[in-house]
PDB file of N, CA and C in Angstrom:
ATOM      1  N   MET A   1     -41.524 -62.833 -42.075  1.00  0.00           N
ATOM      2  CA  MET A   1     -42.411 -63.978 -42.091  1.00  0.00           C
ATOM      3  C   MET A   1     -42.375 -64.620 -40.707  1.00  0.00           C
ATOM      4  N   LEU A   2     -43.564 -64.943 -40.220  1.00  0.00           N
ATOM      5  CA  LEU A   2     -43.698 -65.585 -38.920  1.00  0.00           C
ATOM      6  C   LEU A   2     -44.445 -66.891 -39.116  1.00  0.00           C
ATOM      7  N   LEU A   3     -43.847 -67.986 -38.642  1.00  0.00           N
ATOM      8  CA  LEU A   3     -44.475 -69.300 -38.745  1.00  0.00           C
ATOM      9  C   LEU A   3     -44.717 -69.827 -37.342  1.00  0.00           C
ATOM     10  N   ARG A   4     -45.924 -70.291 -37.118  1.00  0.00           N
ATOM     11  CA  ARG A   4     -46.272 -70.905 -35.829  1.00  0.00           C
ATOM     12  C   ARG A   4     -46.556 -72.378 -36.082  1.00  0.00           C
ATOM     13  N   VAL A   5     -45.809 -73.237 -35.407  1.00  0.00           N
ATOM     14  CA  VAL A   5     -45.980 -74.667 -35.624  1.00  0.00           C
ATOM     15  C   VAL A   5     -46.445 -75.397 -34.368  1.00  0.00           C
ATOM     16  N   LEU A   6     -46.376 -74.749 -33.225  1.00  0.00           N
ATOM     17  CA  LEU A   6     -46.910 -75.338 -32.002  1.00  0.00           C
ATOM     18  C   LEU A   6     -48.347 -74.868 -31.871  1.00  0.00           C
ATOM     19  N   GLY A   7     -49.270 -75.802 -31.761  1.00  0.00           N
ATOM     20  CA  GLY A   7     -50.680 -75.449 -31.823  1.00  0.00           C
ATOM     21  C   GLY A   7     -51.088 -75.422 -33.280  1.00  0.00           C
ATOM     22  N   PRO A   8     -52.078 -74.620 -33.618  1.00  0.00           N
ATOM     23  CA  PRO A   8     -52.502 -74.553 -35.025  1.00  0.00           C
ATOM     24  C   PRO A   8     -51.387 -73.991 -35.915  1.00  0.00           C
ATOM     25  N   LEU A   9     -51.224 -74.588 -37.086  1.00  0.00           N
ATOM     26  CA  LEU A   9     -50.237 -74.117 -38.052  1.00  0.00           C
ATOM     27  C   LEU A   9     -50.690 -72.767 -38.588  1.00  0.00           C
ATOM     28  N   GLU A  10     -49.853 -71.743 -38.420  1.00  0.00           N
ATOM     29  CA  GLU A  10     -50.170 -70.406 -38.898  1.00  0.00           C
ATOM     30  C   GLU A  10     -48.947 -69.776 -39.535  1.00  0.00           C
ATOM     31  N   VAL A  11     -49.206 -68.944 -40.532  1.00  0.00           N
ATOM     32  CA  VAL A  11     -48.148 -68.194 -41.203  1.00  0.00           C
ATOM     33  C   VAL A  11     -48.600 -66.750 -41.326  1.00  0.00           C
ATOM     34  N   GLU A  12     -47.715 -65.835 -40.957  1.00  0.00           N
ATOM     35  CA  GLU A  12     -47.940 -64.414 -41.185  1.00  0.00           C
ATOM     36  C   GLU A  12     -46.849 -63.928 -42.130  1.00  0.00           C
ATOM     37  N   VAL A  13     -47.253 -63.178 -43.131  1.00  0.00           N
ATOM     38  CA  VAL A  13     -46.293 -62.583 -44.052  1.00  0.00           C
ATOM     39  C   VAL A  13     -46.342 -61.072 -43.856  1.00  0.00           C
ATOM     40  N   ASP A  14     -45.626 -60.354 -44.669  1.00  0.00           N
ATOM     41  CA  ASP A  14     -45.504 -58.906 -44.516  1.00  0.00           C
ATOM     42  C   ASP A  14     -46.825 -58.164 -44.573  1.00  0.00           C
ATOM     43  N   THR A  15     -47.881 -58.830 -45.019  1.00  0.00           N
ATOM     44  CA  THR A  15     -49.164 -58.166 -45.179  1.00  0.00           C
ATOM     45  C   THR A  15     -49.910 -57.990 -43.864  1.00  0.00           C
ATOM     46  N   GLY A  16     -49.425 -58.540 -42.772  1.00  0.00           N
ATOM     47  CA  GLY A  16     -50.088 -58.352 -41.483  1.00  0.00           C
ATOM     48  C   GLY A  16     -50.424 -59.650 -40.802  1.00  0.00           C
ATOM     49  N   GLY A  17     -51.728 -59.909 -40.664  1.00  0.00           N
ATOM     50  CA  GLY A  17     -52.201 -61.071 -39.913  1.00  0.00           C
ATOM     51  C   GLY A  17     -51.959 -62.389 -40.606  1.00  0.00           C
ATOM     52  N   PRO A  18     -52.451 -63.464 -39.982  1.00  0.00           N
ATOM     53  CA  PRO A  18     -52.271 -64.803 -40.553  1.00  0.00           C
ATOM     54  C   PRO A  18     -52.949 -64.935 -41.911  1.00  0.00           C
ATOM     55  N   VAL A  19     -52.329 -65.711 -42.789  1.00  0.00           N
ATOM     56  CA  VAL A  19     -52.913 -65.980 -44.096  1.00  0.00           C
ATOM     57  C   VAL A  19     -53.717 -67.268 -44.015  1.00  0.00           C
ATOM     58  N   GLU A  20     -54.716 -67.385 -44.864  1.00  0.00           N
ATOM     59  CA  GLU A  20     -55.529 -68.602 -44.938  1.00  0.00           C
ATOM     60  C   GLU A  20     -54.733 -69.647 -45.708  1.00  0.00           C
ATOM     61  N   LEU A  21     -54.372 -70.717 -45.040  1.00  0.00           N
ATOM     62  CA  LEU A  21     -53.476 -71.710 -45.631  1.00  0.00           C
ATOM     63  C   LEU A  21     -54.171 -72.760 -46.486  1.00  0.00           C
ATOM     64  N   GLY A  22     -55.471 -72.716 -46.584  1.00  0.00           N
ATOM     65  CA  GLY A  22     -56.173 -73.661 -47.436  1.00  0.00           C
ATOM     66  C   GLY A  22     -56.596 -74.906 -46.694  1.00  0.00           C
ATOM     67  N   GLY A  23     -56.954 -75.907 -47.471  1.00  0.00           N
ATOM     68  CA  GLY A  23     -57.493 -77.146 -46.924  1.00  0.00           C
ATOM     69  C   GLY A  23     -56.450 -78.037 -46.270  1.00  0.00           C
ATOM     70  N   PRO A  24     -56.913 -79.177 -45.754  1.00  0.00           N
ATOM     71  CA  PRO A  24     -56.025 -80.075 -44.998  1.00  0.00           C
ATOM     72  C   PRO A  24     -54.798 -80.562 -45.764  1.00  0.00           C
ATOM     73  N   ARG A  25     -54.954 -80.933 -47.025  1.00  0.00           N
ATOM     74  CA  ARG A  25     -53.788 -81.441 -47.764  1.00  0.00           C
ATOM     75  C   ARG A  25     -52.805 -80.332 -48.084  1.00  0.00           C
ATOM     76  N   GLN A  26     -53.307 -79.154 -48.409  1.00  0.00           N
ATOM     77  CA  GLN A  26     -52.399 -78.035 -48.681  1.00  0.00           C
ATOM     78  C   GLN A  26     -51.636 -77.677 -47.407  1.00  0.00           C
ATOM     79  N   ARG A  27     -52.306 -77.677 -46.273  1.00  0.00           N
ATOM     80  CA  ARG A  27     -51.649 -77.426 -44.994  1.00  0.00           C
ATOM     81  C   ARG A  27     -50.631 -78.530 -44.696  1.00  0.00           C
ATOM     82  N   ALA A  28     -50.977 -79.767 -45.064  1.00  0.00           N
ATOM     83  CA  ALA A  28     -50.066 -80.894 -44.847  1.00  0.00           C
ATOM     84  C   ALA A  28     -48.803 -80.747 -45.689  1.00  0.00           C
ATOM     85  N   VAL A  29     -48.931 -80.225 -46.907  1.00  0.00           N
ATOM     86  CA  VAL A  29     -47.747 -79.975 -47.746  1.00  0.00           C
ATOM     87  C   VAL A  29     -46.809 -79.015 -47.007  1.00  0.00           C
ATOM     88  N   LEU A  30     -47.363 -77.936 -46.485  1.00  0.00           N
ATOM     89  CA  LEU A  30     -46.540 -76.972 -45.750  1.00  0.00           C
ATOM     90  C   LEU A  30     -45.917 -77.623 -44.515  1.00  0.00           C
ATOM     91  N   ALA A  31     -46.696 -78.415 -43.801  1.00  0.00           N
ATOM     92  CA  ALA A  31     -46.173 -79.084 -42.601  1.00  0.00           C
ATOM     93  C   ALA A  31     -45.038 -80.045 -42.943  1.00  0.00           C
ATOM     94  N   LEU A  32     -45.177 -80.794 -44.032  1.00  0.00           N
ATOM     95  CA  LEU A  32     -44.114 -81.714 -44.451  1.00  0.00           C
ATOM     96  C   LEU A  32     -42.822 -80.957 -44.750  1.00  0.00           C
ATOM     97  N   LEU A  33     -42.963 -79.841 -45.443  1.00  0.00           N
ATOM     98  CA  LEU A  33     -41.780 -79.054 -45.795  1.00  0.00           C
ATOM     99  C   LEU A  33     -41.168 -78.394 -44.562  1.00  0.00           C
ATOM    100  N   LEU A  34     -41.991 -77.926 -43.652  1.00  0.00           N
ATOM    101  CA  LEU A  34     -41.464 -77.341 -42.415  1.00  0.00           C
ATOM    102  C   LEU A  34     -40.719 -78.392 -41.591  1.00  0.00           C
ATOM    103  N   ALA A  35     -41.282 -79.586 -41.511  1.00  0.00           N
ATOM    104  CA  ALA A  35     -40.648 -80.662 -40.740  1.00  0.00           C
ATOM    105  C   ALA A  35     -39.300 -81.062 -41.334  1.00  0.00           C
ATOM    106  N   ALA A  36     -39.132 -80.876 -42.636  1.00  0.00           N
ATOM    107  CA  ALA A  36     -37.869 -81.232 -43.295  1.00  0.00           C
ATOM    108  C   ALA A  36     -36.767 -80.217 -43.011  1.00  0.00           C
ATOM    109  N   ARG A  37     -37.109 -79.075 -42.416  1.00  0.00           N
ATOM    110  CA  ARG A  37     -36.144 -78.056 -41.984  1.00  0.00           C
ATOM    111  C   ARG A  37     -35.172 -77.637 -43.094  1.00  0.00           C
ATOM    112  N   GLY A  38     -35.740 -77.327 -44.267  1.00  0.00           N
ATOM    113  CA  GLY A  38     -34.917 -76.824 -45.363  1.00  0.00           C
ATOM    114  C   GLY A  38     -34.407 -77.878 -46.318  1.00  0.00           C
ATOM    115  N   GLU A  39     -34.523 -79.132 -45.957  1.00  0.00           N
ATOM    116  CA  GLU A  39     -34.091 -80.213 -46.841  1.00  0.00           C
ATOM    117  C   GLU A  39     -35.153 -80.457 -47.908  1.00  0.00           C
ATOM    118  N   VAL A  40     -34.744 -81.006 -49.024  1.00  0.00           N
ATOM    119  CA  VAL A  40     -35.665 -81.319 -50.115  1.00  0.00           C
ATOM    120  C   VAL A  40     -36.510 -82.532 -49.727  1.00  0.00           C
ATOM    121  N   VAL A  41     -37.804 -82.416 -49.990  1.00  0.00           N
ATOM    122  CA  VAL A  41     -38.728 -83.540 -49.823  1.00  0.00           C
ATOM    123  C   VAL A  41     -39.143 -83.958 -51.231  1.00  0.00           C
ATOM    124  N   SER A  42     -38.926 -85.215 -51.554  1.00  0.00           N
ATOM    125  CA  SER A  42     -39.214 -85.679 -52.914  1.00  0.00           C
ATOM    126  C   SER A  42     -40.713 -85.693 -53.177  1.00  0.00           C
ATOM    127  N   VAL A  43     -41.055 -85.541 -54.446  1.00  0.00           N
ATOM    128  CA  VAL A  43     -42.455 -85.607 -54.864  1.00  0.00           C
ATOM    129  C   VAL A  43     -43.051 -86.948 -54.447  1.00  0.00           C
ATOM    130  N   GLY A  44     -42.315 -88.022 -54.665  1.00  0.00           N
ATOM    131  CA  GLY A  44     -42.804 -89.352 -54.297  1.00  0.00           C
ATOM    132  C   GLY A  44     -43.103 -89.477 -52.818  1.00  0.00           C
ATOM    133  N   GLN A  45     -42.212 -88.946 -51.981  1.00  0.00           N
ATOM    134  CA  GLN A  45     -42.430 -89.011 -50.535  1.00  0.00           C
ATOM    135  C   GLN A  45     -43.632 -88.171 -50.123  1.00  0.00           C
ATOM    136  N   MET A  46     -43.779 -87.007 -50.741  1.00  0.00           N
ATOM    137  CA  MET A  46     -44.915 -86.150 -50.406  1.00  0.00           C
ATOM    138  C   MET A  46     -46.226 -86.822 -50.787  1.00  0.00           C
ATOM    139  N   ILE A  47     -46.274 -87.441 -51.954  1.00  0.00           N
ATOM    140  CA  ILE A  47     -47.493 -88.131 -52.384  1.00  0.00           C
ATOM    141  C   ILE A  47     -47.798 -89.293 -51.449  1.00  0.00           C
ATOM    142  N   GLU A  48     -46.776 -90.038 -51.092  1.00  0.00           N
ATOM    143  CA  GLU A  48     -46.953 -91.151 -50.150  1.00  0.00           C
ATOM    144  C   GLU A  48     -47.524 -90.653 -48.822  1.00  0.00           C
ATOM    145  N   ASP A  49     -46.969 -89.572 -48.295  1.00  0.00           N
ATOM    146  CA  ASP A  49     -47.420 -89.039 -47.007  1.00  0.00           C
ATOM    147  C   ASP A  49     -48.809 -88.408 -47.092  1.00  0.00           C
ATOM    148  N   LEU A  50     -49.084 -87.692 -48.170  1.00  0.00           N
ATOM    149  CA  LEU A  50     -50.366 -86.999 -48.293  1.00  0.00           C
ATOM    150  C   LEU A  50     -51.546 -87.949 -48.487  1.00  0.00           C
ATOM    151  N   TRP A  51     -51.329 -89.025 -49.241  1.00  0.00           N
ATOM    152  CA  TRP A  51     -52.428 -89.939 -49.538  1.00  0.00           C
ATOM    153  C   TRP A  51     -52.242 -91.301 -48.879  1.00  0.00           C
ATOM    154  N   ARG A  52     -51.255 -91.433 -48.038  1.00  0.00           N
ATOM    155  CA  ARG A  52     -51.009 -92.656 -47.274  1.00  0.00           C
ATOM    156  C   ARG A  52     -51.036 -93.917 -48.134  1.00  0.00           C
ATOM    157  N   GLY A  53     -50.335 -93.830 -49.259  1.00  0.00           N
ATOM    158  CA  GLY A  53     -50.192 -94.994 -50.124  1.00  0.00           C
ATOM    159  C   GLY A  53     -51.359 -95.242 -51.058  1.00  0.00           C
ATOM    160  N   ASP A  54     -52.391 -94.410 -51.016  1.00  0.00           N
ATOM    161  CA  ASP A  54     -53.570 -94.602 -51.865  1.00  0.00           C
ATOM    162  C   ASP A  54     -53.801 -93.355 -52.710  1.00  0.00           C
ATOM    163  N   ALA A  55     -52.778 -92.977 -53.458  1.00  0.00           N
ATOM    164  CA  ALA A  55     -52.820 -91.736 -54.238  1.00  0.00           C
ATOM    165  C   ALA A  55     -53.770 -91.858 -55.424  1.00  0.00           C
ATOM    166  N   PRO A  56     -54.493 -90.771 -55.705  1.00  0.00           N
ATOM    167  CA  PRO A  56     -55.363 -90.768 -56.886  1.00  0.00           C
ATOM    168  C   PRO A  56     -54.525 -90.633 -58.155  1.00  0.00           C
ATOM    169  N   PRO A  57     -55.122 -90.885 -59.320  1.00  0.00           N
ATOM    170  CA  PRO A  57     -54.371 -90.798 -60.582  1.00  0.00           C
ATOM    171  C   PRO A  57     -53.752 -89.418 -60.825  1.00  0.00           C
ATOM    172  N   ARG A  58     -54.364 -88.363 -60.345  1.00  0.00           N
ATOM    173  CA  ARG A  58     -53.855 -87.004 -60.592  1.00  0.00           C
ATOM    174  C   ARG A  58     -53.147 -86.432 -59.355  1.00  0.00           C
ATOM    175  N   ALA A  59     -52.513 -87.282 -58.585  1.00  0.00           N
ATOM    176  CA  ALA A  59     -51.846 -86.835 -57.357  1.00  0.00           C
ATOM    177  C   ALA A  59     -50.750 -85.807 -57.638  1.00  0.00           C
ATOM    178  N   ILE A  60     -49.970 -86.008 -58.670  1.00  0.00           N
ATOM    179  CA  ILE A  60     -48.879 -85.069 -58.980  1.00  0.00           C
ATOM    180  C   ILE A  60     -49.456 -83.701 -59.339  1.00  0.00           C
ATOM    181  N   ALA A  61     -50.507 -83.679 -60.142  1.00  0.00           N
ATOM    182  CA  ALA A  61     -51.135 -82.406 -60.505  1.00  0.00           C
ATOM    183  C   ALA A  61     -51.709 -81.715 -59.273  1.00  0.00           C
ATOM    184  N   SER A  62     -52.307 -82.481 -58.376  1.00  0.00           N
ATOM    185  CA  SER A  62     -52.839 -81.901 -57.139  1.00  0.00           C
ATOM    186  C   SER A  62     -51.718 -81.321 -56.286  1.00  0.00           C
ATOM    187  N   LEU A  63     -50.625 -82.062 -56.154  1.00  0.00           N
ATOM    188  CA  LEU A  63     -49.489 -81.569 -55.386  1.00  0.00           C
ATOM    189  C   LEU A  63     -48.943 -80.281 -55.992  1.00  0.00           C
ATOM    190  N   GLN A  64     -48.828 -80.226 -57.300  1.00  0.00           N
ATOM    191  CA  GLN A  64     -48.348 -79.010 -57.962  1.00  0.00           C
ATOM    192  C   GLN A  64     -49.278 -77.833 -57.695  1.00  0.00           C
ATOM    193  N   ALA A  65     -50.579 -78.077 -57.659  1.00  0.00           N
ATOM    194  CA  ALA A  65     -51.536 -77.008 -57.364  1.00  0.00           C
ATOM    195  C   ALA A  65     -51.377 -76.527 -55.924  1.00  0.00           C
ATOM    196  N   TYR A  66     -51.201 -77.449 -54.975  1.00  0.00           N
ATOM    197  CA  TYR A  66     -50.989 -77.053 -53.582  1.00  0.00           C
ATOM    198  C   TYR A  66     -49.740 -76.187 -53.455  1.00  0.00           C
ATOM    199  N   VAL A  67     -48.669 -76.601 -54.109  1.00  0.00           N
ATOM    200  CA  VAL A  67     -47.412 -75.843 -54.057  1.00  0.00           C
ATOM    201  C   VAL A  67     -47.602 -74.460 -54.672  1.00  0.00           C
ATOM    202  N   SER A  68     -48.281 -74.390 -55.785  1.00  0.00           N
ATOM    203  CA  SER A  68     -48.524 -73.109 -56.446  1.00  0.00           C
ATOM    204  C   SER A  68     -49.308 -72.157 -55.535  1.00  0.00           C
ATOM    205  N   HIS A  69     -50.355 -72.674 -54.909  1.00  0.00           N
ATOM    206  CA  HIS A  69     -51.157 -71.843 -53.996  1.00  0.00           C
ATOM    207  C   HIS A  69     -50.330 -71.393 -52.795  1.00  0.00           C
ATOM    208  N   LEU A  70     -49.547 -72.297 -52.235  1.00  0.00           N
ATOM    209  CA  LEU A  70     -48.704 -71.930 -51.093  1.00  0.00           C
ATOM    210  C   LEU A  70     -47.672 -70.876 -51.482  1.00  0.00           C
ATOM    211  N   ARG A  71     -47.120 -70.986 -52.661  1.00  0.00           N
ATOM    212  CA  ARG A  71     -46.150 -69.978 -53.109  1.00  0.00           C
ATOM    213  C   ARG A  71     -46.783 -68.596 -53.146  1.00  0.00           C
ATOM    214  N   ARG A  72     -48.007 -68.509 -53.642  1.00  0.00           N
ATOM    215  CA  ARG A  72     -48.692 -67.205 -53.685  1.00  0.00           C
ATOM    216  C   ARG A  72     -48.947 -66.667 -52.285  1.00  0.00           C
ATOM    217  N   LEU A  73     -49.244 -67.567 -51.341  1.00  0.00           N
ATOM    218  CA  LEU A  73     -49.488 -67.131 -49.972  1.00  0.00           C
ATOM    219  C   LEU A  73     -48.208 -66.697 -49.257  1.00  0.00           C
ATOM    220  N   LEU A  74     -47.125 -67.441 -49.487  1.00  0.00           N
ATOM    221  CA  LEU A  74     -45.870 -67.177 -48.790  1.00  0.00           C
ATOM    222  C   LEU A  74     -45.099 -65.992 -49.366  1.00  0.00           C
ATOM    223  N   GLU A  75     -45.310 -65.701 -50.636  1.00  0.00           N
ATOM    224  CA  GLU A  75     -44.627 -64.591 -51.299  1.00  0.00           C
ATOM    225  C   GLU A  75     -45.641 -63.753 -52.080  1.00  0.00           C
ATOM    226  N   PRO A  76     -46.525 -63.059 -51.370  1.00  0.00           N
ATOM    227  CA  PRO A  76     -47.585 -62.322 -52.075  1.00  0.00           C
ATOM    228  C   PRO A  76     -47.061 -61.211 -52.987  1.00  0.00           C
ATOM    229  N   ALA A  77     -45.890 -60.677 -52.732  1.00  0.00           N
ATOM    230  CA  ALA A  77     -45.346 -59.585 -53.549  1.00  0.00           C
ATOM    231  C   ALA A  77     -44.537 -60.087 -54.748  1.00  0.00           C
ATOM    232  N   ARG A  78     -44.319 -61.405 -54.835  1.00  0.00           N
ATOM    233  CA  ARG A  78     -43.526 -61.957 -55.942  1.00  0.00           C
ATOM    234  C   ARG A  78     -44.275 -61.765 -57.249  1.00  0.00           C
ATOM    235  N   GLU A  79     -43.560 -61.252 -58.239  1.00  0.00           N
ATOM    236  CA  GLU A  79     -44.175 -61.055 -59.550  1.00  0.00           C
ATOM    237  C   GLU A  79     -44.464 -62.403 -60.192  1.00  0.00           C
ATOM    238  N   ARG A  80     -45.516 -62.422 -60.963  1.00  0.00           N
ATOM    239  CA  ARG A  80     -45.896 -63.638 -61.667  1.00  0.00           C
ATOM    240  C   ARG A  80     -44.739 -64.102 -62.558  1.00  0.00           C
ATOM    241  N   ARG A  81     -44.478 -65.383 -62.531  1.00  0.00           N
ATOM    242  CA  ARG A  81     -43.406 -66.026 -63.309  1.00  0.00           C
ATOM    243  C   ARG A  81     -41.998 -65.757 -62.765  1.00  0.00           C
ATOM    244  N   ALA A  82     -41.882 -64.931 -61.731  1.00  0.00           N
ATOM    245  CA  ALA A  82     -40.569 -64.733 -61.106  1.00  0.00           C
ATOM    246  C   ALA A  82     -40.245 -65.995 -60.297  1.00  0.00           C
ATOM    247  N   PRO A  83     -38.977 -66.355 -60.213  1.00  0.00           N
ATOM    248  CA  PRO A  83     -38.622 -67.561 -59.457  1.00  0.00           C
ATOM    249  C   PRO A  83     -39.005 -67.427 -57.981  1.00  0.00           C
ATOM    250  N   ALA A  84     -39.510 -68.508 -57.437  1.00  0.00           N
ATOM    251  CA  ALA A  84     -39.852 -68.538 -56.012  1.00  0.00           C
ATOM    252  C   ALA A  84     -38.567 -68.532 -55.195  1.00  0.00           C
ATOM    253  N   ARG A  85     -38.607 -67.868 -54.050  1.00  0.00           N
ATOM    254  CA  ARG A  85     -37.439 -67.832 -53.177  1.00  0.00           C
ATOM    255  C   ARG A  85     -37.684 -68.563 -51.859  1.00  0.00           C
ATOM    256  N   VAL A  86     -38.947 -68.791 -51.516  1.00  0.00           N
ATOM    257  CA  VAL A  86     -39.267 -69.419 -50.234  1.00  0.00           C
ATOM    258  C   VAL A  86     -39.591 -70.900 -50.419  1.00  0.00           C
ATOM    259  N   LEU A  87     -40.592 -71.211 -51.213  1.00  0.00           N
ATOM    260  CA  LEU A  87     -40.941 -72.601 -51.496  1.00  0.00           C
ATOM    261  C   LEU A  87     -40.394 -72.899 -52.891  1.00  0.00           C
ATOM    262  N   VAL A  88     -39.259 -73.560 -52.908  1.00  0.00           N
ATOM    263  CA  VAL A  88     -38.520 -73.728 -54.157  1.00  0.00           C
ATOM    264  C   VAL A  88     -38.632 -75.152 -54.694  1.00  0.00           C
ATOM    265  N   THR A  89     -38.523 -75.251 -56.009  1.00  0.00           N
ATOM    266  CA  THR A  89     -38.408 -76.549 -56.652  1.00  0.00           C
ATOM    267  C   THR A  89     -36.938 -76.927 -56.624  1.00  0.00           C
ATOM    268  N   ALA A  90     -36.663 -78.109 -56.106  1.00  0.00           N
ATOM    269  CA  ALA A  90     -35.291 -78.598 -56.018  1.00  0.00           C
ATOM    270  C   ALA A  90     -35.338 -80.106 -56.238  1.00  0.00           C
ATOM    271  N   PRO A  91     -34.809 -80.576 -57.347  1.00  0.00           N
ATOM    272  CA  PRO A  91     -34.908 -82.006 -57.642  1.00  0.00           C
ATOM    273  C   PRO A  91     -34.474 -82.862 -56.457  1.00  0.00           C
ATOM    274  N   PRO A  92     -35.247 -83.858 -56.139  1.00  0.00           N
ATOM    275  CA  PRO A  92     -36.404 -84.429 -56.821  1.00  0.00           C
ATOM    276  C   PRO A  92     -37.762 -83.948 -56.281  1.00  0.00           C
ATOM    277  N   GLY A  93     -37.814 -82.767 -55.666  1.00  0.00           N
ATOM    278  CA  GLY A  93     -39.080 -82.313 -55.108  1.00  0.00           C
ATOM    279  C   GLY A  93     -39.100 -80.836 -54.779  1.00  0.00           C
ATOM    280  N   TYR A  94     -39.397 -80.537 -53.527  1.00  0.00           N
ATOM    281  CA  TYR A  94     -39.561 -79.154 -53.075  1.00  0.00           C
ATOM    282  C   TYR A  94     -38.879 -78.967 -51.730  1.00  0.00           C
ATOM    283  N   ALA A  95     -38.556 -77.695 -51.432  1.00  0.00           N
ATOM    284  CA  ALA A  95     -37.956 -77.351 -50.144  1.00  0.00           C
ATOM    285  C   ALA A  95     -38.405 -75.955 -49.746  1.00  0.00           C
ATOM    286  N   LEU A  96     -38.412 -75.709 -48.447  1.00  0.00           N
ATOM    287  CA  LEU A  96     -38.664 -74.360 -47.927  1.00  0.00           C
ATOM    288  C   LEU A  96     -37.325 -73.720 -47.623  1.00  0.00           C
ATOM    289  N   ARG A  97     -37.103 -72.556 -48.152  1.00  0.00           N
ATOM    290  CA  ARG A  97     -35.892 -71.774 -47.888  1.00  0.00           C
ATOM    291  C   ARG A  97     -36.333 -70.532 -47.132  1.00  0.00           C
ATOM    292  N   LEU A  98     -36.437 -70.682 -45.839  1.00  0.00           N
ATOM    293  CA  LEU A  98     -36.954 -69.593 -45.006  1.00  0.00           C
ATOM    294  C   LEU A  98     -35.869 -68.602 -44.643  1.00  0.00           C
ATOM    295  N   PRO A  99     -36.247 -67.328 -44.515  1.00  0.00           N
ATOM    296  CA  PRO A  99     -35.279 -66.337 -44.035  1.00  0.00           C
ATOM    297  C   PRO A  99     -34.819 -66.721 -42.628  1.00  0.00           C
ATOM    298  N   ALA A 100     -33.614 -66.334 -42.278  1.00  0.00           N
ATOM    299  CA  ALA A 100     -33.043 -66.682 -40.972  1.00  0.00           C
ATOM    300  C   ALA A 100     -33.908 -66.192 -39.819  1.00  0.00           C
ATOM    301  N   ASP A 101     -34.607 -65.085 -40.014  1.00  0.00           N
ATOM    302  CA  ASP A 101     -35.419 -64.540 -38.915  1.00  0.00           C
ATOM    303  C   ASP A 101     -36.850 -65.062 -38.902  1.00  0.00           C
ATOM    304  N   ALA A 102     -37.161 -66.040 -39.755  1.00  0.00           N
ATOM    305  CA  ALA A 102     -38.534 -66.582 -39.801  1.00  0.00           C
ATOM    306  C   ALA A 102     -38.762 -67.509 -38.611  1.00  0.00           C
TER     307      ALA A 102
END
């Protein structure tokens, strides 16, 4: 896995070229987790940062959808329902567990 954070945010996985990371908020979820450098980012903090204090009623559901989409992009070979190894759920939120060579 190759992550580029200087300049445009890009991720390459074993499939070859850069993957399409989705819209601005989904990209922001990835950026928040990358900035945390492996530490857990709480759901509350992510919602606060993503919507700047003006979260919609379904903010948690939207965040869960962004995480789900990112998991599919970051681990395309992961079997459905298999535990995620890269973007993990860790109370009270989420964390990126990147390989040492990423």
